[in-house]
Amino acid sequence: REEAAKRGLEVECRQSNSEGEIVTLIQQAYKVFDGIVINPAAYTHTSV
């Protein structure tokens, strides 16, 4: 949040342990957010 403010960016942070919830967050971002920063953690290596 501090780093986003320094850059004049609006940021929303979300965390989930659920793959399906992460997919839903991405889908809900459509036409709402201009960019996504994602740390998919363990799903990095497994989630098509």
All heavy atoms as atom14 arrays in JSON, in Angstrom:
{
  "sequence": "REEAAKRGLEVECRQSNSEGEIVTLIQQAYKVFDGIVINPAAYTHTSV",
  "atom14_mask": [
    [1, 1, 1, 1, 1, 1, 1, 1, 1, 1, 1, 0, 0, 0],
    [1, 1, 1, 1, 1, 1, 1, 1, 1, 0, 0, 0, 0, 0],
    [1, 1, 1, 1, 1, 1, 1, 1, 1, 0, 0, 0, 0, 0],
    [1, 1, 1, 1, 1, 0, 0, 0, 0, 0, 0, 0, 0, 0],
    [1, 1, 1, 1, 1, 0, 0, 0, 0, 0, 0, 0, 0, 0],
    [1, 1, 1, 1, 1, 1, 1, 1, 1, 0, 0, 0, 0, 0],
    [1, 1, 1, 1, 1, 1, 1, 1, 1, 1, 1, 0, 0, 0],
    [1, 1, 1, 1, 0, 0, 0, 0, 0, 0, 0, 0, 0, 0],
    [1, 1, 1, 1, 1, 1, 1, 1, 0, 0, 0, 0, 0, 0],
    [1, 1, 1, 1, 1, 1, 1, 1, 1, 0, 0, 0, 0, 0],
    [1, 1, 1, 1, 1, 1, 1, 0, 0, 0, 0, 0, 0, 0],
    [1, 1, 1, 1, 1, 1, 1, 1, 1, 0, 0, 0, 0, 0],
    [1, 1, 1, 1, 1, 1, 0, 0, 0, 0, 0, 0, 0, 0],
    [1, 1, 1, 1, 1, 1, 1, 1, 1, 1, 1, 0, 0, 0],
    [1, 1, 1, 1, 1, 1, 1, 1, 1, 0, 0, 0, 0, 0],
    [1, 1, 1, 1, 1, 1, 0, 0, 0, 0, 0, 0, 0, 0],
    [1, 1, 1, 1, 1, 1, 1, 1, 0, 0, 0, 0, 0, 0],
    [1, 1, 1, 1, 1, 1, 0, 0, 0, 0, 0, 0, 0, 0],
    [1, 1, 1, 1, 1, 1, 1, 1, 1, 0, 0, 0, 0, 0],
    [1, 1, 1, 1, 0, 0, 0, 0, 0, 0, 0, 0, 0, 0],
    [1, 1, 1, 1, 1, 1, 1, 1, 1, 0, 0, 0, 0, 0],
    [1, 1, 1, 1, 1, 1, 1, 1, 0, 0, 0, 0, 0, 0],
    [1, 1, 1, 1, 1, 1, 1, 0, 0, 0, 0, 0, 0, 0],
    [1, 1, 1, 1, 1, 1, 1, 0, 0, 0, 0, 0, 0, 0],
    [1, 1, 1, 1, 1, 1, 1, 1, 0, 0, 0, 0, 0, 0],
    [1, 1, 1, 1, 1, 1, 1, 1, 0, 0, 0, 0, 0, 0],
    [1, 1, 1, 1, 1, 1, 1, 1, 1, 0, 0, 0, 0, 0],
    [1, 1, 1, 1, 1, 1, 1, 1, 1, 0, 0, 0, 0, 0],
    [1, 1, 1, 1, 1, 0, 0, 0, 0, 0, 0, 0, 0, 0],
    [1, 1, 1, 1, 1, 1, 1, 1, 1, 1, 1, 1, 0, 0],
    [1, 1, 1, 1, 1, 1, 1, 1, 1, 0, 0, 0, 0, 0],
    [1, 1, 1, 1, 1, 1, 1, 0, 0, 0, 0, 0, 0, 0],
    [1, 1, 1, 1, 1, 1, 1, 1, 1, 1, 1, 0, 0, 0],
    [1, 1, 1, 1, 1, 1, 1, 1, 0, 0, 0, 0, 0, 0],
    [1, 1, 1, 1, 0, 0, 0, 0, 0, 0, 0, 0, 0, 0],
    [1, 1, 1, 1, 1, 1, 1, 1, 0, 0, 0, 0, 0, 0],
    [1, 1, 1, 1, 1, 1, 1, 0, 0, 0, 0, 0, 0, 0],
    [1, 1, 1, 1, 1, 1, 1, 1, 0, 0, 0, 0, 0, 0],
    [1, 1, 1, 1, 1, 1, 1, 1, 0, 0, 0, 0, 0, 0],
    [1, 1, 1, 1, 1, 1, 1, 0, 0, 0, 0, 0, 0, 0],
    [1, 1, 1, 1, 1, 0, 0, 0, 0, 0, 0, 0, 0, 0],
    [1, 1, 1, 1, 1, 0, 0, 0, 0, 0, 0, 0, 0, 0],
    [1, 1, 1, 1, 1, 1, 1, 1, 1, 1, 1, 1, 0, 0],
    [1, 1, 1, 1, 1, 1, 1, 0, 0, 0, 0, 0, 0, 0],
    [1, 1, 1, 1, 1, 1, 1, 1, 1, 1, 0, 0, 0, 0],
    [1, 1, 1, 1, 1, 1, 1, 0, 0, 0, 0, 0, 0, 0],
    [1, 1, 1, 1, 1, 1, 0, 0, 0, 0, 0, 0, 0, 0],
    [1, 1, 1, 1, 1, 1, 1, 0, 0, 0, 0, 0, 0, 0]
  ],
  "atom14_positions": [
    [[0.83, -1.22, 0.0], [0.0, 0.0, 0.0], [0.86, 1.26, 0.0], [0.58, 2.23, -0.71], [-0.95, -0.02, 1.19], [-2.07, -1.03, 1.01], [-3.06, -0.98, 2.14], [-4.14, -1.93, 1.89], [-4.75, -2.62, 2.82], [-4.43, -2.46, 4.1], [-5.71, -3.46, 2.51], [0.0, 0.0, 0.0], [0.0, 0.0, 0.0], [0.0, 0.0, 0.0]],
    [[1.92, 1.25, 0.8], [2.82, 2.41, 0.87], [3.51, 2.63, -0.47], [3.6, 3.77, -0.96], [3.85, 2.18, 1.97], [4.83, 3.32, 2.15], [5.81, 3.06, 3.28], [5.38, 2.62, 4.36], [7.01, 3.3, 3.07], [0.0, 0.0, 0.0], [0.0, 0.0, 0.0], [0.0, 0.0, 0.0], [0.0, 0.0, 0.0], [0.0, 0.0, 0.0]],
    [[4.01, 1.55, -1.07], [4.71, 1.66, -2.35], [3.75, 2.09, -3.47], [4.13, 2.87, -4.35], [5.4, 0.34, -2.7], [6.54, -0.02, -1.77], [7.67, 0.99, -1.76], [8.08, 1.46, -2.86], [8.16, 1.34, -0.67], [0.0, 0.0, 0.0], [0.0, 0.0, 0.0], [0.0, 0.0, 0.0], [0.0, 0.0, 0.0], [0.0, 0.0, 0.0]],
    [[2.52, 1.6, -3.44], [1.52, 2.01, -4.44], [1.22, 3.5, -4.31], [1.16, 4.22, -5.32], [0.25, 1.18, -4.28], [0.0, 0.0, 0.0], [0.0, 0.0, 0.0], [0.0, 0.0, 0.0], [0.0, 0.0, 0.0], [0.0, 0.0, 0.0], [0.0, 0.0, 0.0], [0.0, 0.0, 0.0], [0.0, 0.0, 0.0], [0.0, 0.0, 0.0]],
    [[1.05, 3.98, -3.08], [0.77, 5.4, -2.85], [1.89, 6.28, -3.38], [1.64, 7.33, -3.99], [0.53, 5.65, -1.37], [0.0, 0.0, 0.0], [0.0, 0.0, 0.0], [0.0, 0.0, 0.0], [0.0, 0.0, 0.0], [0.0, 0.0, 0.0], [0.0, 0.0, 0.0], [0.0, 0.0, 0.0], [0.0, 0.0, 0.0], [0.0, 0.0, 0.0]],
    [[3.14, 5.86, -3.19], [4.29, 6.62, -3.69], [4.24, 6.77, -5.21], [4.76, 7.74, -5.75], [5.61, 5.91, -3.33], [6.01, 5.97, -1.9], [7.32, 5.21, -1.72], [7.7, 5.03, -0.28], [8.91, 4.2, -0.14], [0.0, 0.0, 0.0], [0.0, 0.0, 0.0], [0.0, 0.0, 0.0], [0.0, 0.0, 0.0], [0.0, 0.0, 0.0]],
    [[3.64, 5.81, -5.87], [3.59, 5.79, -7.33], [2.26, 6.31, -7.89], [2.04, 6.28, -9.08], [3.83, 4.36, -7.82], [5.26, 3.91, -7.57], [5.37, 2.38, -7.55], [6.74, 1.96, -7.37], [7.37, 1.92, -6.19], [6.73, 2.26, -5.08], [8.62, 1.52, -6.11], [0.0, 0.0, 0.0], [0.0, 0.0, 0.0], [0.0, 0.0, 0.0]],
    [[1.38, 6.72, -7.0], [0.09, 7.23, -7.43], [-0.85, 6.15, -7.95], [-1.74, 6.42, -8.75], [0.0, 0.0, 0.0], [0.0, 0.0, 0.0], [0.0, 0.0, 0.0], [0.0, 0.0, 0.0], [0.0, 0.0, 0.0], [0.0, 0.0, 0.0], [0.0, 0.0, 0.0], [0.0, 0.0, 0.0], [0.0, 0.0, 0.0], [0.0, 0.0, 0.0]],
    [[-0.66, 4.94, -7.48], [-1.49, 3.81, -7.9], [-2.52, 3.48, -6.82], [-2.21, 3.54, -5.63], [-0.62, 2.57, -8.15], [0.46, 2.7, -9.22], [1.36, 1.47, -9.22], [-0.16, 2.91, -10.59], [0.0, 0.0, 0.0], [0.0, 0.0, 0.0], [0.0, 0.0, 0.0], [0.0, 0.0, 0.0], [0.0, 0.0, 0.0], [0.0, 0.0, 0.0]],
    [[-3.69, 3.09, -7.26], [-4.71, 2.57, -6.34], [-4.51, 1.06, -6.31], [-4.39, 0.42, -7.36], [-6.09, 2.92, -6.87], [-7.22, 2.53, -5.97], [-8.58, 2.91, -6.56], [-8.66, 3.85, -7.38], [-9.56, 2.24, -6.18], [0.0, 0.0, 0.0], [0.0, 0.0, 0.0], [0.0, 0.0, 0.0], [0.0, 0.0, 0.0], [0.0, 0.0, 0.0]],
    [[-4.49, 0.48, -5.12], [-4.19, -0.94, -5.0], [-5.19, -1.63, -4.08], [-5.63, -1.05, -3.08], [-2.73, -1.17, -4.53], [-2.54, -0.75, -3.1], [-2.28, -2.58, -4.73], [0.0, 0.0, 0.0], [0.0, 0.0, 0.0], [0.0, 0.0, 0.0], [0.0, 0.0, 0.0], [0.0, 0.0, 0.0], [0.0, 0.0, 0.0], [0.0, 0.0, 0.0]],
    [[-5.56, -2.83, -4.46], [-6.37, -3.7, -3.6], [-5.61, -5.0, -3.42], [-5.2, -5.62, -4.41], [-7.73, -3.98, -4.24], [-8.63, -4.86, -3.38], [-10.01, -5.06, -3.98], [-10.56, -4.13, -4.57], [-10.51, -6.2, -3.86], [0.0, 0.0, 0.0], [0.0, 0.0, 0.0], [0.0, 0.0, 0.0], [0.0, 0.0, 0.0], [0.0, 0.0, 0.0]],
    [[-5.41, -5.41, -2.18], [-4.67, -6.63, -1.87], [-5.63, -7.72, -1.42], [-6.47, -7.49, -0.54], [-3.63, -6.39, -0.77], [-2.35, -5.22, -1.22], [0.0, 0.0, 0.0], [0.0, 0.0, 0.0], [0.0, 0.0, 0.0], [0.0, 0.0, 0.0], [0.0, 0.0, 0.0], [0.0, 0.0, 0.0], [0.0, 0.0, 0.0], [0.0, 0.0, 0.0]],
    [[-5.47, -8.89, -2.0], [-6.29, -10.05, -1.64], [-5.37, -11.25, -1.47], [-4.35, -11.36, -2.15], [-7.33, -10.34, -2.73], [-8.28, -9.19, -3.03], [-9.22, -8.85, -1.9], [-10.09, -9.95, -1.52], [-11.26, -10.21, -2.05], [-11.74, -9.44, -3.01], [-11.97, -11.23, -1.63], [0.0, 0.0, 0.0], [0.0, 0.0, 0.0], [0.0, 0.0, 0.0]],
    [[-5.76, -12.15, -0.57], [-5.01, -13.39, -0.35], [-6.01, -14.53, -0.27], [-7.08, -14.39, 0.32], [-4.2, -13.3, 0.95], [-3.23, -14.46, 1.19], [-3.86, -15.71, 1.8], [-4.81, -15.62, 2.57], [-3.35, -16.87, 1.44], [0.0, 0.0, 0.0], [0.0, 0.0, 0.0], [0.0, 0.0, 0.0], [0.0, 0.0, 0.0], [0.0, 0.0, 0.0]],
    [[-5.64, -15.65, -0.88], [-6.48, -16.84, -0.8], [-5.63, -18.09, -0.83], [-4.63, -18.16, -1.55], [-7.48, -16.87, -1.95], [-8.26, -18.06, -1.86], [0.0, 0.0, 0.0], [0.0, 0.0, 0.0], [0.0, 0.0, 0.0], [0.0, 0.0, 0.0], [0.0, 0.0, 0.0], [0.0, 0.0, 0.0], [0.0, 0.0, 0.0], [0.0, 0.0, 0.0]],
    [[-6.08, -19.07, -0.08], [-5.46, -20.39, -0.11], [-6.16, -21.31, -1.12], [-5.77, -22.45, -1.27], [-5.49, -21.03, 1.28], [-4.62, -20.27, 2.26], [-3.52, -19.86, 1.93], [-5.11, -20.07, 3.46], [0.0, 0.0, 0.0], [0.0, 0.0, 0.0], [0.0, 0.0, 0.0], [0.0, 0.0, 0.0], [0.0, 0.0, 0.0], [0.0, 0.0, 0.0]],
    [[-7.18, -20.79, -1.78], [-8.02, -21.59, -2.67], [-7.79, -21.22, -4.14], [-7.95, -20.06, -4.53], [-9.49, -21.36, -2.32], [-10.32, -21.89, -3.31], [0.0, 0.0, 0.0], [0.0, 0.0, 0.0], [0.0, 0.0, 0.0], [0.0, 0.0, 0.0], [0.0, 0.0, 0.0], [0.0, 0.0, 0.0], [0.0, 0.0, 0.0], [0.0, 0.0, 0.0]],
    [[-7.47, -22.2, -4.94], [-7.26, -21.99, -6.37], [-8.51, -21.41, -7.03], [-8.43, -20.46, -7.82], [-6.87, -23.31, -7.03], [-6.61, -23.21, -8.52], [-6.26, -24.56, -9.12], [-6.74, -25.6, -8.62], [-5.5, -24.56, -10.1], [0.0, 0.0, 0.0], [0.0, 0.0, 0.0], [0.0, 0.0, 0.0], [0.0, 0.0, 0.0], [0.0, 0.0, 0.0]],
    [[-9.67, -21.97, -6.72], [-10.91, -21.48, -7.32], [-11.2, -20.04, -6.97], [-11.67, -19.26, -7.8], [0.0, 0.0, 0.0], [0.0, 0.0, 0.0], [0.0, 0.0, 0.0], [0.0, 0.0, 0.0], [0.0, 0.0, 0.0], [0.0, 0.0, 0.0], [0.0, 0.0, 0.0], [0.0, 0.0, 0.0], [0.0, 0.0, 0.0], [0.0, 0.0, 0.0]],
    [[-10.91, -19.65, -5.74], [-11.13, -18.27, -5.33], [-10.19, -17.32, -6.08], [-10.58, -16.22, -6.47], [-10.96, -18.1, -3.82], [-11.31, -16.71, -3.34], [-11.27, -16.57, -1.84], [-11.35, -17.58, -1.11], [-11.16, -15.41, -1.38], [0.0, 0.0, 0.0], [0.0, 0.0, 0.0], [0.0, 0.0, 0.0], [0.0, 0.0, 0.0], [0.0, 0.0, 0.0]],
    [[-8.96, -17.76, -6.29], [-8.01, -16.94, -7.05], [-8.5, -16.77, -8.49], [-8.47, -15.66, -9.04], [-6.59, -17.54, -6.99], [-6.05, -17.43, -5.56], [-5.65, -16.84, -7.98], [-4.77, -18.2, -5.3], [0.0, 0.0, 0.0], [0.0, 0.0, 0.0], [0.0, 0.0, 0.0], [0.0, 0.0, 0.0], [0.0, 0.0, 0.0], [0.0, 0.0, 0.0]],
    [[-8.99, -17.83, -9.09], [-9.57, -17.74, -10.44], [-10.73, -16.75, -10.45], [-10.83, -15.89, -11.33], [-10.01, -19.13, -10.95], [-10.86, -19.02, -12.2], [-8.8, -20.02, -11.2], [0.0, 0.0, 0.0], [0.0, 0.0, 0.0], [0.0, 0.0, 0.0], [0.0, 0.0, 0.0], [0.0, 0.0, 0.0], [0.0, 0.0, 0.0], [0.0, 0.0, 0.0]],
    [[-11.59, -16.82, -9.45], [-12.72, -15.9, -9.36], [-12.25, -14.45, -9.21], [-12.79, -13.55, -9.85], [-13.65, -16.3, -8.21], [-14.17, -17.61, -8.49], [-14.8, -15.33, -8.04], [0.0, 0.0, 0.0], [0.0, 0.0, 0.0], [0.0, 0.0, 0.0], [0.0, 0.0, 0.0], [0.0, 0.0, 0.0], [0.0, 0.0, 0.0], [0.0, 0.0, 0.0]],
    [[-11.23, -14.21, -8.38], [-10.69, -12.85, -8.23], [-10.19, -12.31, -9.56], [-10.42, -11.14, -9.91], [-9.56, -12.84, -7.2], [-9.94, -13.03, -5.75], [-8.7, -13.24, -4.89], [-10.75, -11.84, -5.24], [0.0, 0.0, 0.0], [0.0, 0.0, 0.0], [0.0, 0.0, 0.0], [0.0, 0.0, 0.0], [0.0, 0.0, 0.0], [0.0, 0.0, 0.0]],
    [[-9.51, -13.15, -10.31], [-9.0, -12.74, -11.63], [-10.16, -12.42, -12.56], [-10.17, -11.38, -13.23], [-8.08, -13.83, -12.23], [-6.8, -13.96, -11.39], [-7.75, -13.52, -13.69], [-5.99, -15.21, -11.67], [0.0, 0.0, 0.0], [0.0, 0.0, 0.0], [0.0, 0.0, 0.0], [0.0, 0.0, 0.0], [0.0, 0.0, 0.0], [0.0, 0.0, 0.0]],
    [[-11.16, -13.28, -12.59], [-12.32, -13.03, -13.45], [-13.04, -11.75, -13.06], [-13.45, -10.97, -13.92], [-13.28, -14.21, -13.4], [-12.74, -15.47, -14.04], [-13.65, -16.66, -13.83], [-14.63, -16.61, -13.09], [-13.31, -17.77, -14.47], [0.0, 0.0, 0.0], [0.0, 0.0, 0.0], [0.0, 0.0, 0.0], [0.0, 0.0, 0.0], [0.0, 0.0, 0.0]],
    [[-13.2, -11.51, -11.78], [-13.89, -10.31, -11.29], [-13.09, -9.03, -11.56], [-13.65, -7.93, -11.54], [-14.19, -10.44, -9.8], [-15.26, -11.47, -9.51], [-15.44, -11.73, -8.02], [-14.59, -11.41, -7.2], [-16.56, -12.36, -7.68], [0.0, 0.0, 0.0], [0.0, 0.0, 0.0], [0.0, 0.0, 0.0], [0.0, 0.0, 0.0], [0.0, 0.0, 0.0]],
    [[-11.8, -9.17, -11.83], [-10.95, -8.01, -12.12], [-11.21, -7.45, -13.52], [-10.86, -6.29, -13.79], [-9.48, -8.4, -11.98], [0.0, 0.0, 0.0], [0.0, 0.0, 0.0], [0.0, 0.0, 0.0], [0.0, 0.0, 0.0], [0.0, 0.0, 0.0], [0.0, 0.0, 0.0], [0.0, 0.0, 0.0], [0.0, 0.0, 0.0], [0.0, 0.0, 0.0]],
    [[-11.84, -8.23, -14.38], [-12.1, -7.82, -15.76], [-12.88, -6.51, -15.81], [-13.92, -6.39, -15.17], [-12.85, -8.94, -16.48], [-13.1, -8.68, -17.94], [-12.03, -8.64, -18.84], [-14.38, -8.49, -18.42], [-12.25, -8.41, -20.19], [-14.61, -8.27, -19.77], [-13.53, -8.22, -20.64], [-13.76, -7.99, -21.98], [0.0, 0.0, 0.0], [0.0, 0.0, 0.0]],
    [[-12.34, -5.56, -16.53], [-12.92, -4.22, -16.7], [-13.04, -3.42, -15.4], [-13.74, -2.42, -15.34], [-14.27, -4.29, -17.41], [-14.16, -4.75, -18.84], [-15.45, -4.59, -19.6], [-15.22, -4.99, -21.05], [-16.39, -4.75, -21.88], [0.0, 0.0, 0.0], [0.0, 0.0, 0.0], [0.0, 0.0, 0.0], [0.0, 0.0, 0.0], [0.0, 0.0, 0.0]],
    [[-12.36, -3.88, -14.35], [-12.35, -3.17, -13.07], [-10.93, -2.69, -12.75], [-10.74, -1.58, -12.27], [-12.88, -4.07, -11.93], [-12.75, -3.39, -10.58], [-14.32, -4.5, -12.21], [0.0, 0.0, 0.0], [0.0, 0.0, 0.0], [0.0, 0.0, 0.0], [0.0, 0.0, 0.0], [0.0, 0.0, 0.0], [0.0, 0.0, 0.0], [0.0, 0.0, 0.0]],
    [[-9.94, -3.55, -13.01], [-8.54, -3.24, -12.7], [-7.73, -3.08, -13.98], [-8.02, -3.72, -15.0], [-7.93, -4.34, -11.82], [-8.48, -4.35, -10.43], [-9.58, -5.13, -10.11], [-7.92, -3.56, -9.44], [-10.11, -5.13, -8.83], [-8.43, -3.55, -8.15], [-9.53, -4.34, -7.85], [0.0, 0.0, 0.0], [0.0, 0.0, 0.0], [0.0, 0.0, 0.0]],
    [[-6.71, -2.23, -13.89], [-5.82, -1.98, -15.03], [-4.62, -2.92, -15.06], [-3.95, -3.02, -16.08], [-5.32, -0.53, -14.98], [-6.46, 0.46, -14.94], [-7.28, 0.46, -15.89], [-6.55, 1.22, -13.96], [0.0, 0.0, 0.0], [0.0, 0.0, 0.0], [0.0, 0.0, 0.0], [0.0, 0.0, 0.0], [0.0, 0.0, 0.0], [0.0, 0.0, 0.0]],
    [[-4.34, -3.55, -13.94], [-3.21, -4.45, -13.85], [-3.37, -5.4, -12.69], [-4.14, -5.14, -11.76], [0.0, 0.0, 0.0], [0.0, 0.0, 0.0], [0.0, 0.0, 0.0], [0.0, 0.0, 0.0], [0.0, 0.0, 0.0], [0.0, 0.0, 0.0], [0.0, 0.0, 0.0], [0.0, 0.0, 0.0], [0.0, 0.0, 0.0], [0.0, 0.0, 0.0]],
    [[-2.65, -6.51, -12.78], [-2.65, -7.52, -11.72], [-1.2, -7.81, -11.34], [-0.35, -8.02, -12.23], [-3.32, -8.83, -12.17], [-4.82, -8.61, -12.45], [-3.13, -9.94, -11.13], [-5.53, -9.82, -13.05], [0.0, 0.0, 0.0], [0.0, 0.0, 0.0], [0.0, 0.0, 0.0], [0.0, 0.0, 0.0], [0.0, 0.0, 0.0], [0.0, 0.0, 0.0]],
    [[-0.94, -7.81, -10.05], [0.32, -8.33, -9.51], [-0.09, -9.6, -8.79], [-0.97, -9.58, -7.93], [0.98, -7.33, -8.53], [2.2, -7.97, -7.86], [1.36, -6.05, -9.25], [0.0, 0.0, 0.0], [0.0, 0.0, 0.0], [0.0, 0.0, 0.0], [0.0, 0.0, 0.0], [0.0, 0.0, 0.0], [0.0, 0.0, 0.0], [0.0, 0.0, 0.0]],
    [[0.54, -10.71, -9.15], [0.14, -11.98, -8.55], [1.36, -12.76, -8.07], [2.35, -12.9, -8.79], [-0.7, -12.84, -9.52], [-1.21, -14.11, -8.83], [0.06, -13.15, -10.8], [-2.27, -14.87, -9.61], [0.0, 0.0, 0.0], [0.0, 0.0, 0.0], [0.0, 0.0, 0.0], [0.0, 0.0, 0.0], [0.0, 0.0, 0.0], [0.0, 0.0, 0.0]],
    [[1.26, -13.23, -6.83], [2.18, -14.22, -6.3], [1.33, -15.47, -6.09], [0.66, -15.6, -5.06], [2.82, -13.76, -4.99], [3.81, -14.77, -4.46], [3.8, -15.93, -4.84], [4.67, -14.32, -3.55], [0.0, 0.0, 0.0], [0.0, 0.0, 0.0], [0.0, 0.0, 0.0], [0.0, 0.0, 0.0], [0.0, 0.0, 0.0], [0.0, 0.0, 0.0]],
    [[1.31, -16.35, -7.09], [0.43, -17.51, -7.0], [0.95, -18.59, -6.05], [0.27, -19.6, -5.84], [0.37, -18.02, -8.43], [1.55, -17.45, -9.12], [1.98, -16.24, -8.37], [0.0, 0.0, 0.0], [0.0, 0.0, 0.0], [0.0, 0.0, 0.0], [0.0, 0.0, 0.0], [0.0, 0.0, 0.0], [0.0, 0.0, 0.0], [0.0, 0.0, 0.0]],
    [[2.13, -18.36, -5.47], [2.72, -19.31, -4.51], [2.75, -20.71, -5.12], [3.14, -20.85, -6.28], [1.98, -19.23, -3.18], [0.0, 0.0, 0.0], [0.0, 0.0, 0.0], [0.0, 0.0, 0.0], [0.0, 0.0, 0.0], [0.0, 0.0, 0.0], [0.0, 0.0, 0.0], [0.0, 0.0, 0.0], [0.0, 0.0, 0.0], [0.0, 0.0, 0.0]],
    [[2.33, -21.72, -4.4], [2.43, -23.1, -4.89], [1.65, -23.32, -6.18], [2.01, -24.19, -6.98], [1.95, -24.07, -3.82], [0.0, 0.0, 0.0], [0.0, 0.0, 0.0], [0.0, 0.0, 0.0], [0.0, 0.0, 0.0], [0.0, 0.0, 0.0], [0.0, 0.0, 0.0], [0.0, 0.0, 0.0], [0.0, 0.0, 0.0], [0.0, 0.0, 0.0]],
    [[0.61, -22.53, -6.41], [-0.16, -22.68, -7.66], [0.63, -22.26, -8.89], [0.24, -22.56, -10.01], [-1.48, -21.92, -7.58], [-2.45, -22.5, -6.58], [-3.09, -21.68, -5.66], [-2.74, -23.86, -6.56], [-3.99, -22.2, -4.74], [-3.63, -24.39, -5.64], [-4.26, -23.55, -4.74], [-5.14, -24.07, -3.83], [0.0, 0.0, 0.0], [0.0, 0.0, 0.0]],
    [[1.74, -21.57, -8.69], [2.64, -21.2, -9.78], [2.95, -22.41, -10.65], [2.95, -22.33, -11.87], [3.97, -20.67, -9.2], [3.7, -19.57, -8.36], [4.97, -20.31, -10.28], [0.0, 0.0, 0.0], [0.0, 0.0, 0.0], [0.0, 0.0, 0.0], [0.0, 0.0, 0.0], [0.0, 0.0, 0.0], [0.0, 0.0, 0.0], [0.0, 0.0, 0.0]],
    [[3.21, -23.52, -9.98], [3.78, -24.7, -10.62], [2.72, -25.73, -11.01], [3.06, -26.76, -11.59], [4.79, -25.35, -9.67], [5.56, -24.35, -8.89], [6.5, -23.52, -9.46], [5.49, -23.99, -7.58], [6.99, -22.71, -8.53], [6.39, -22.98, -7.38], [0.0, 0.0, 0.0], [0.0, 0.0, 0.0], [0.0, 0.0, 0.0], [0.0, 0.0, 0.0]],
    [[1.46, -25.45, -10.68], [0.43, -26.47, -10.87], [-0.84, -26.0, -11.55], [-1.61, -26.82, -12.02], [0.01, -27.08, -9.51], [-0.58, -26.05, -8.71], [1.19, -27.69, -8.77], [0.0, 0.0, 0.0], [0.0, 0.0, 0.0], [0.0, 0.0, 0.0], [0.0, 0.0, 0.0], [0.0, 0.0, 0.0], [0.0, 0.0, 0.0], [0.0, 0.0, 0.0]],
    [[-1.08, -24.7, -11.61], [-2.41, -24.24, -11.96], [-2.57, -23.74, -13.39], [-2.28, -22.57, -13.7], [-2.9, -23.16, -11.01], [-4.23, -22.82, -11.35], [0.0, 0.0, 0.0], [0.0, 0.0, 0.0], [0.0, 0.0, 0.0], [0.0, 0.0, 0.0], [0.0, 0.0, 0.0], [0.0, 0.0, 0.0], [0.0, 0.0, 0.0], [0.0, 0.0, 0.0]],
    [[-3.08, -24.61, -14.22], [-3.49, -24.21, -15.56], [-4.74, -23.34, -15.45], [-4.95, -22.43, -16.26], [-3.73, -25.45, -16.45], [-4.3, -25.05, -17.81], [-2.43, -26.23, -16.62], [0.0, 0.0, 0.0], [0.0, 0.0, 0.0], [0.0, 0.0, 0.0], [0.0, 0.0, 0.0], [0.0, 0.0, 0.0], [0.0, 0.0, 0.0], [0.0, 0.0, 0.0]]
  ]
}
